[in-house]
Amino acid sequence: MERCLDLEIDGKTHQQPESRYSDYLRDGAAQARGFAALRVSYADVVHRTAQMVRRVGAAVSGRLGQGSLPVY
């Protein structure tokens, strides 16, 4: 599990304090299970797609450098 990646795409609701705290808890739970947590915004996906893809690709490459990723 230490090579898994948890990719989260956050919209406007994730800017609210309650949502941020929930995201924080979810990231912690994922990391406790061996997942690397990566968050990107809706704006990243829609308006900064190339940069977002590079960022996700770098995260995946880093995880692949540790061995193959399991598929769930």
C-alpha atoms as a PDB file:
ATOM      1  CA  MET A   1       0.000   0.000   0.000  1.00  0.00           C
ATOM      2  CA  GLU A   2       2.927   2.391   0.490  1.00  0.00           C
ATOM      3  CA  ARG A   3       3.032   3.016  -3.268  1.00  0.00           C
ATOM      4  CA  CYS A   4      -0.610   4.045  -3.690  1.00  0.00           C
ATOM      5  CA  LEU A   5      -1.737   7.545  -4.592  1.00  0.00           C
ATOM      6  CA  ASP A   6      -4.979   9.123  -3.372  1.00  0.00           C
ATOM      7  CA  LEU A   7      -5.892  11.856  -5.869  1.00  0.00           C
ATOM      8  CA  GLU A   8      -8.603  14.250  -4.675  1.00  0.00           C
ATOM      9  CA  ILE A   9     -10.180  16.941  -6.853  1.00  0.00           C
ATOM     10  CA  ASP A  10     -11.568  19.756  -4.729  1.00  0.00           C
ATOM     11  CA  GLY A  11     -14.312  22.163  -5.756  1.00  0.00           C
ATOM     12  CA  LYS A  12     -15.509  25.365  -4.080  1.00  0.00           C
ATOM     13  CA  THR A  13     -17.090  23.549  -1.149  1.00  0.00           C
ATOM     14  CA  HIS A  14     -13.628  22.420  -0.074  1.00  0.00           C
ATOM     15  CA  GLN A  15     -12.767  26.046   0.754  1.00  0.00           C
ATOM     16  CA  GLN A  16     -15.172  25.998   3.709  1.00  0.00           C
ATOM     17  CA  PRO A  17     -13.590  25.354   7.136  1.00  0.00           C
ATOM     18  CA  GLU A  18     -15.739  22.256   7.756  1.00  0.00           C
ATOM     19  CA  SER A  19     -14.753  20.754   4.414  1.00  0.00           C
ATOM     20  CA  ARG A  20     -11.082  21.580   4.909  1.00  0.00           C
ATOM     21  CA  TYR A  21     -11.123  19.802   8.247  1.00  0.00           C
ATOM     22  CA  SER A  22     -12.882  16.789   6.741  1.00  0.00           C
ATOM     23  CA  ASP A  23     -10.304  16.742   3.924  1.00  0.00           C
ATOM     24  CA  TYR A  24      -7.518  16.926   6.507  1.00  0.00           C
ATOM     25  CA  LEU A  25      -8.945  13.912   8.335  1.00  0.00           C
ATOM     26  CA  ARG A  26      -9.431  11.969   5.091  1.00  0.00           C
ATOM     27  CA  ASP A  27      -5.858  12.726   3.985  1.00  0.00           C
ATOM     28  CA  GLY A  28      -4.565  11.541   7.348  1.00  0.00           C
ATOM     29  CA  ALA A  29      -6.553   8.315   7.108  1.00  0.00           C
ATOM     30  CA  ALA A  30      -5.264   7.688   3.581  1.00  0.00           C
ATOM     31  CA  GLN A  31      -1.685   8.351   4.658  1.00  0.00           C
ATOM     32  CA  ALA A  32      -2.082   6.025   7.634  1.00  0.00           C
ATOM     33  CA  ARG A  33      -2.987   3.278   5.125  1.00  0.00           C
ATOM     34  CA  GLY A  34       0.127   4.029   3.060  1.00  0.00           C
ATOM     35  CA  PHE A  35      -1.425   6.259   0.416  1.00  0.00           C
ATOM     36  CA  ALA A  36       0.205   9.512  -0.661  1.00  0.00           C
ATOM     37  CA  ALA A  37      -2.506  12.181  -0.731  1.00  0.00           C
ATOM     38  CA  LEU A  38      -2.527  14.680  -3.593  1.00  0.00           C
ATOM     39  CA  ARG A  39      -5.156  17.396  -3.898  1.00  0.00           C
ATOM     40  CA  VAL A  40      -5.871  19.442  -6.994  1.00  0.00           C
ATOM     41  CA  SER A  41      -8.548  22.054  -7.413  1.00  0.00           C
ATOM     42  CA  TYR A  42     -11.388  22.095  -9.891  1.00  0.00           C
ATOM     43  CA  ALA A  43      -9.762  25.237 -11.320  1.00  0.00           C
ATOM     44  CA  ASP A  44      -6.510  23.298 -11.808  1.00  0.00           C
ATOM     45  CA  VAL A  45      -8.378  20.625 -13.758  1.00  0.00           C
ATOM     46  CA  VAL A  46     -10.367  23.072 -15.899  1.00  0.00           C
ATOM     47  CA  HIS A  47      -8.032  26.068 -16.315  1.00  0.00           C
ATOM     48  CA  ARG A  48      -4.528  24.757 -15.624  1.00  0.00           C
ATOM     49  CA  THR A  49      -4.841  21.273 -17.058  1.00  0.00           C
ATOM     50  CA  ALA A  50      -1.296  20.895 -18.391  1.00  0.00           C
ATOM     51  CA  GLN A  51       0.266  21.949 -15.076  1.00  0.00           C
ATOM     52  CA  MET A  52      -2.101  19.683 -13.150  1.00  0.00           C
ATOM     53  CA  VAL A  53      -1.275  16.709 -15.390  1.00  0.00           C
ATOM     54  CA  ARG A  54       2.459  17.334 -14.870  1.00  0.00           C
ATOM     55  CA  ARG A  55       1.938  17.529 -11.112  1.00  0.00           C
ATOM     56  CA  VAL A  56      -0.048  14.282 -11.021  1.00  0.00           C
ATOM     57  CA  GLY A  57       2.440  12.642 -13.377  1.00  0.00           C
ATOM     58  CA  ALA A  58       5.332  13.622 -11.115  1.00  0.00           C
ATOM     59  CA  ALA A  59       3.513  12.200  -8.099  1.00  0.00           C
ATOM     60  CA  VAL A  60       2.788   8.941  -9.932  1.00  0.00           C
ATOM     61  CA  SER A  61       6.374   8.723 -11.201  1.00  0.00           C
ATOM     62  CA  GLY A  62       7.642   9.224  -7.678  1.00  0.00           C
ATOM     63  CA  ARG A  63       5.420   6.434  -6.441  1.00  0.00           C
ATOM     64  CA  LEU A  64       6.387   4.166  -9.353  1.00  0.00           C
ATOM     65  CA  GLY A  65      10.010   4.721  -8.441  1.00  0.00           C
ATOM     66  CA  GLN A  66       9.196   2.750  -5.301  1.00  0.00           C
ATOM     67  CA  GLY A  67       7.858  -0.218  -7.306  1.00  0.00           C
ATOM     68  CA  SER A  68       4.674  -0.965  -9.204  1.00  0.00           C
ATOM     69  CA  LEU A  69       1.385   0.591  -8.155  1.00  0.00           C
ATOM     70  CA  PRO A  70      -1.420  -1.771  -7.229  1.00  0.00           C
ATOM     71  CA  VAL A  71      -4.699  -1.192  -9.074  1.00  0.00           C
ATOM     72  CA  TYR A  72      -7.929  -0.933  -7.047  1.00  0.00           C
END
